[in-house]
C-alpha atoms as a PDB file:
ATOM      1  CA  MET A   1      -0.240  36.187  19.026  1.00  0.00           C
ATOM      2  CA  SER A   2      -1.331  33.885  21.742  1.00  0.00           C
ATOM      3  CA  ARG A   3      -3.498  30.897  20.691  1.00  0.00           C
ATOM      4  CA  ALA A   4      -5.985  32.242  23.229  1.00  0.00           C
ATOM      5  CA  PHE A   5      -7.263  35.086  21.087  1.00  0.00           C
ATOM      6  CA  VAL A   6      -7.453  33.075  17.888  1.00  0.00           C
ATOM      7  CA  LYS A   7     -10.885  31.720  16.757  1.00  0.00           C
ATOM      8  CA  GLU A   8     -11.067  28.039  17.187  1.00  0.00           C
ATOM      9  CA  ASP A   9     -14.577  27.436  15.702  1.00  0.00           C
ATOM     10  CA  SER A  10     -13.803  28.490  12.026  1.00  0.00           C
ATOM     11  CA  ASP A  11     -16.767  28.201   9.453  1.00  0.00           C
ATOM     12  CA  GLN A  12     -14.172  27.069   7.146  1.00  0.00           C
ATOM     13  CA  PRO A  13     -13.045  23.234   7.336  1.00  0.00           C
ATOM     14  CA  GLU A  14      -9.249  22.823   8.191  1.00  0.00           C
ATOM     15  CA  HIS A  15      -6.541  21.968   5.544  1.00  0.00           C
ATOM     16  CA  LEU A  16      -4.744  18.678   6.352  1.00  0.00           C
ATOM     17  CA  PRO A  17      -1.185  18.240   5.014  1.00  0.00           C
ATOM     18  CA  ASP A  18      -0.844  15.715   2.110  1.00  0.00           C
ATOM     19  CA  ARG A  19      -0.008  12.189   3.067  1.00  0.00           C
ATOM     20  CA  PRO A  20       3.637  11.471   2.226  1.00  0.00           C
ATOM     21  CA  LEU A  21       4.413   9.871  -1.057  1.00  0.00           C
ATOM     22  CA  SER A  22       7.073   7.073  -1.499  1.00  0.00           C
ATOM     23  CA  GLN A  23      10.430   8.028  -3.004  1.00  0.00           C
ATOM     24  CA  HIS A  24      10.308   4.474  -4.809  1.00  0.00           C
ATOM     25  CA  PRO A  25       8.608   3.717  -8.268  1.00  0.00           C
ATOM     26  CA  ASN A  26       4.942   3.397  -7.924  1.00  0.00           C
ATOM     27  CA  TYR A  27       4.645  -0.091  -9.066  1.00  0.00           C
ATOM     28  CA  MET A  28       0.896  -1.746  -8.876  1.00  0.00           C
ATOM     29  CA  THR A  29      -0.598  -4.739  -9.856  1.00  0.00           C
ATOM     30  CA  PRO A  30      -3.706  -4.415 -12.095  1.00  0.00           C
ATOM     31  CA  ASP A  31      -5.946  -5.369  -9.145  1.00  0.00           C
ATOM     32  CA  GLY A  32      -4.148  -2.481  -6.910  1.00  0.00           C
ATOM     33  CA  TYR A  33      -4.768   0.019  -9.709  1.00  0.00           C
ATOM     34  CA  LYS A  34      -8.407  -0.765  -9.910  1.00  0.00           C
ATOM     35  CA  SER A  35      -8.509  -0.758  -5.821  1.00  0.00           C
ATOM     36  CA  MET A  36      -7.044   2.725  -6.078  1.00  0.00           C
ATOM     37  CA  GLN A  37      -9.641   3.849  -8.736  1.00  0.00           C
ATOM     38  CA  ALA A  38     -12.488   2.612  -6.626  1.00  0.00           C
ATOM     39  CA  GLN A  39     -10.787   4.584  -3.542  1.00  0.00           C
ATOM     40  CA  LEU A  40     -10.785   7.698  -5.691  1.00  0.00           C
ATOM     41  CA  GLN A  41     -14.466   7.276  -6.692  1.00  0.00           C
ATOM     42  CA  GLN A  42     -15.580   6.553  -3.136  1.00  0.00           C
ATOM     43  CA  CYS A  43     -13.761   9.822  -1.865  1.00  0.00           C
ATOM     44  CA  GLU A  44     -15.437  11.888  -4.851  1.00  0.00           C
ATOM     45  CA  GLN A  45     -18.843  10.394  -3.790  1.00  0.00           C
ATOM     46  CA  GLU A  46     -18.576  11.091  -0.078  1.00  0.00           C
ATOM     47  CA  ILE A  47     -17.251  14.712  -0.841  1.00  0.00           C
ATOM     48  CA  SER A  48     -20.116  15.394  -3.095  1.00  0.00           C
ATOM     49  CA  ALA A  49     -22.638  13.947  -0.527  1.00  0.00           C
ATOM     50  CA  LEU A  50     -20.971  16.026   2.269  1.00  0.00           C
ATOM     51  CA  ARG A  51     -21.293  19.222   0.454  1.00  0.00           C
ATOM     52  CA  SER A  52     -24.915  18.712  -0.166  1.00  0.00           C
ATOM     53  CA  GLY A  53     -25.672  17.777   3.304  1.00  0.00           C
ATOM     54  CA  ASP A  54     -24.821  18.518   7.125  1.00  0.00           C
ATOM     55  CA  GLU A  55     -22.300  21.722   7.439  1.00  0.00           C
ATOM     56  CA  TRP A  56     -21.019  20.060  10.596  1.00  0.00           C
ATOM     57  CA  ALA A  57     -20.285  16.906   9.118  1.00  0.00           C
ATOM     58  CA  GLU A  58     -18.877  18.594   6.038  1.00  0.00           C
ATOM     59  CA  ASN A  59     -16.504  20.525   8.115  1.00  0.00           C
ATOM     60  CA  THR A  60     -15.356  17.565  10.103  1.00  0.00           C
ATOM     61  CA  ARG A  61     -14.908  14.977   7.438  1.00  0.00           C
ATOM     62  CA  LEU A  62     -14.005  17.014   4.426  1.00  0.00           C
ATOM     63  CA  PRO A  63     -10.621  17.792   5.020  1.00  0.00           C
ATOM     64  CA  ALA A  64      -9.507  14.042   5.298  1.00  0.00           C
ATOM     65  CA  LEU A  65     -11.694  12.962   2.537  1.00  0.00           C
ATOM     66  CA  GLU A  66      -9.879  15.976   0.330  1.00  0.00           C
ATOM     67  CA  ARG A  67      -6.359  14.843   1.524  1.00  0.00           C
ATOM     68  CA  ASP A  68      -7.073  11.009   0.379  1.00  0.00           C
ATOM     69  CA  LEU A  69      -8.544  12.548  -2.981  1.00  0.00           C
ATOM     70  CA  ARG A  70      -5.298  14.291  -3.533  1.00  0.00           C
ATOM     71  CA  TYR A  71      -3.314  11.222  -2.461  1.00  0.00           C
ATOM     72  CA  CYS A  72      -5.123   8.691  -4.757  1.00  0.00           C
ATOM     73  CA  ARG A  73      -4.939  11.090  -7.909  1.00  0.00           C
ATOM     74  CA  ALA A  74      -1.337  11.592  -7.174  1.00  0.00           C
ATOM     75  CA  ARG A  75      -0.603   7.722  -6.857  1.00  0.00           C
ATOM     76  CA  LEU A  76      -2.788   6.805  -9.924  1.00  0.00           C
ATOM     77  CA  LYS A  77      -0.970   9.532 -11.920  1.00  0.00           C
ATOM     78  CA  SER A  78       2.645   7.992 -10.812  1.00  0.00           C
ATOM     79  CA  ALA A  79       1.384   4.088 -11.223  1.00  0.00           C
ATOM     80  CA  GLN A  80       3.333   1.789 -13.310  1.00  0.00           C
ATOM     81  CA  VAL A  81       0.941  -1.304 -13.631  1.00  0.00           C
ATOM     82  CA  ILE A  82       2.748  -4.369 -13.953  1.00  0.00           C
ATOM     83  CA  GLU A  83       1.081  -7.643 -15.221  1.00  0.00           C
ATOM     84  CA  HIS A  84       2.164 -10.863 -13.985  1.00  0.00           C
ATOM     85  CA  ALA A  85       2.346 -13.860 -16.205  1.00  0.00           C
ATOM     86  CA  ALA A  86       0.314 -16.539 -14.928  1.00  0.00           C
ATOM     87  CA  GLY A  87       1.679 -19.824 -14.051  1.00  0.00           C
ATOM     88  CA  ALA A  88       4.873 -20.923 -12.207  1.00  0.00           C
ATOM     89  CA  ALA A  89       7.946 -18.463 -12.437  1.00  0.00           C
ATOM     90  CA  ALA A  90      11.629 -19.127 -12.601  1.00  0.00           C
ATOM     91  CA  LYS A  91      12.538 -15.963 -10.247  1.00  0.00           C
ATOM     92  CA  VAL A  92      10.920 -14.179  -7.725  1.00  0.00           C
ATOM     93  CA  ARG A  93       9.353 -10.899  -9.207  1.00  0.00           C
ATOM     94  CA  PHE A  94       6.817  -8.161  -8.843  1.00  0.00           C
ATOM     95  CA  GLY A  95       3.216  -9.693  -8.750  1.00  0.00           C
ATOM     96  CA  CYS A  96       4.287 -13.426  -8.021  1.00  0.00           C
ATOM     97  CA  THR A  97       3.420 -15.146  -5.115  1.00  0.00           C
ATOM     98  CA  VAL A  98       6.217 -16.887  -3.016  1.00  0.00           C
ATOM     99  CA  HIS A  99       5.774 -19.707  -0.923  1.00  0.00           C
ATOM    100  CA  PHE A 100       8.773 -20.546   1.541  1.00  0.00           C
ATOM    101  CA  VAL A 101       9.544 -22.232   4.874  1.00  0.00           C
ATOM    102  CA  ASP A 102      11.605 -20.866   7.698  1.00  0.00           C
ATOM    103  CA  GLU A 103      13.911 -22.323  10.242  1.00  0.00           C
ATOM    104  CA  GLN A 104      11.060 -23.624  12.435  1.00  0.00           C
ATOM    105  CA  ASP A 105       9.574 -25.436   9.224  1.00  0.00           C
ATOM    106  CA  LEU A 106       6.808 -22.793   9.725  1.00  0.00           C
ATOM    107  CA  GLN A 107       4.975 -22.491   5.913  1.00  0.00           C
ATOM    108  CA  HIS A 108       4.584 -18.956   4.623  1.00  0.00           C
ATOM    109  CA  CYS A 109       2.863 -17.519   1.531  1.00  0.00           C
ATOM    110  CA  PHE A 110       3.175 -13.932   0.327  1.00  0.00           C
ATOM    111  CA  ARG A 111       2.140 -12.024  -2.860  1.00  0.00           C
ATOM    112  CA  ILE A 112       4.557  -9.212  -3.461  1.00  0.00           C
ATOM    113  CA  VAL A 113       2.617  -6.323  -4.532  1.00  0.00           C
ATOM    114  CA  GLY A 114       2.683  -2.363  -4.499  1.00  0.00           C
ATOM    115  CA  GLU A 115       3.131  -0.255  -1.361  1.00  0.00           C
ATOM    116  CA  ASP A 116      -0.378   0.722  -1.340  1.00  0.00           C
ATOM    117  CA  GLU A 117      -1.661  -2.852  -1.985  1.00  0.00           C
ATOM    118  CA  ALA A 118       0.351  -4.229   0.961  1.00  0.00           C
ATOM    119  CA  ASN A 119      -1.682  -5.997   3.782  1.00  0.00           C
ATOM    120  CA  ILE A 120       0.111  -8.534   5.701  1.00  0.00           C
ATOM    121  CA  ALA A 121      -3.269 -10.048   7.173  1.00  0.00           C
ATOM    122  CA  GLN A 122      -4.165 -10.565   3.526  1.00  0.00           C
ATOM    123  CA  GLY A 123      -0.856 -12.162   2.453  1.00  0.00           C
ATOM    124  CA  ARG A 124       0.084  -9.045   0.326  1.00  0.00           C
ATOM    125  CA  LEU A 125       3.659  -8.073   0.884  1.00  0.00           C
ATOM    126  CA  SER A 126       4.972  -4.599  -0.418  1.00  0.00           C
ATOM    127  CA  TRP A 127       7.872  -4.906  -2.721  1.00  0.00           C
ATOM    128  CA  THR A 128       9.919  -2.518  -0.884  1.00  0.00           C
ATOM    129  CA  SER A 129       9.673  -4.495   2.493  1.00  0.00           C
ATOM    130  CA  PRO A 130      13.015  -6.168   3.848  1.00  0.00           C
ATOM    131  CA  LEU A 131      11.296  -9.394   3.126  1.00  0.00           C
ATOM    132  CA  ALA A 132      10.457  -8.700  -0.515  1.00  0.00           C
ATOM    133  CA  SER A 133      13.788  -7.274  -0.887  1.00  0.00           C
ATOM    134  CA  ALA A 134      15.401 -10.338   0.233  1.00  0.00           C
ATOM    135  CA  LEU A 135      13.238 -12.650  -1.813  1.00  0.00           C
ATOM    136  CA  LEU A 136      13.149 -10.581  -5.212  1.00  0.00           C
ATOM    137  CA  GLY A 137      15.179 -12.145  -7.918  1.00  0.00           C
ATOM    138  CA  ARG A 138      15.695 -15.635  -5.938  1.00  0.00           C
ATOM    139  CA  GLU A 139      14.982 -18.740  -7.603  1.00  0.00           C
ATOM    140  CA  LEU A 140      13.075 -22.002  -6.399  1.00  0.00           C
ATOM    141  CA  GLY A 141      15.150 -23.915  -3.765  1.00  0.00           C
ATOM    142  CA  ASP A 142      17.311 -20.894  -2.800  1.00  0.00           C
ATOM    143  CA  VAL A 143      17.912 -20.212   0.964  1.00  0.00           C
ATOM    144  CA  VAL A 144      17.755 -16.631   1.619  1.00  0.00           C
ATOM    145  CA  ARG A 145      18.784 -14.772   5.029  1.00  0.00           C
ATOM    146  CA  TRP A 146      15.798 -12.611   5.839  1.00  0.00           C
ATOM    147  CA  GLN A 147      17.308  -9.651   8.182  1.00  0.00           C
ATOM    148  CA  ARG A 148      14.735  -8.714  10.990  1.00  0.00           C
ATOM    149  CA  PRO A 149      14.915  -6.675  14.046  1.00  0.00           C
ATOM    150  CA  ALA A 150      14.101  -9.619  16.235  1.00  0.00           C
ATOM    151  CA  GLY A 151      17.084 -11.472  14.416  1.00  0.00           C
ATOM    152  CA  ASP A 152      18.131 -12.897  11.250  1.00  0.00           C
ATOM    153  CA  LEU A 153      16.264 -15.978   9.844  1.00  0.00           C
ATOM    154  CA  ASP A 154      16.760 -18.352   6.934  1.00  0.00           C
ATOM    155  CA  ILE A 155      14.055 -19.209   4.848  1.00  0.00           C
ATOM    156  CA  GLU A 156      13.939 -21.710   1.855  1.00  0.00           C
ATOM    157  CA  ILE A 157      11.818 -20.712  -1.137  1.00  0.00           C
ATOM    158  CA  THR A 158       9.309 -23.762  -1.950  1.00  0.00           C
ATOM    159  CA  ALA A 159       7.151 -22.370  -4.587  1.00  0.00           C
ATOM    160  CA  ILE A 160       6.833 -19.247  -6.935  1.00  0.00           C
ATOM    161  CA  ASP A 161       3.530 -18.809  -8.869  1.00  0.00           C
END
């Protein structure tokens, strides 16, 4: 049937496909788990408010909120919360903060976190990223080759918290 004969302005909100779930283990820091719980609660509150309010707003915003709600529930259900011991670590591992210097003597600092927590602007790096993969398991003073699309870069680990 031609799309010309399909009613476009249905009274029912559209159903959006689910957000893709990673094939990797769902490691989270305790802060990341709390943040995901807060996102879930926010979605639930917004859905409740929309359902008791304006029908147009419900039809336009509700599908995205319901999709996000399903995503948060799935991620919380599969979460493996990993505590990070305070203090200096012997090796780079999940949850730690890594300080390193690159070939141009630029200092960098990233905390290795879960996929849903990652935010480069805030210094949080997903454990599945190429940089984190290069750093995990390494020790203080190790020189690591970071393979990047822009070209390989040697970095030296200067501190592990």
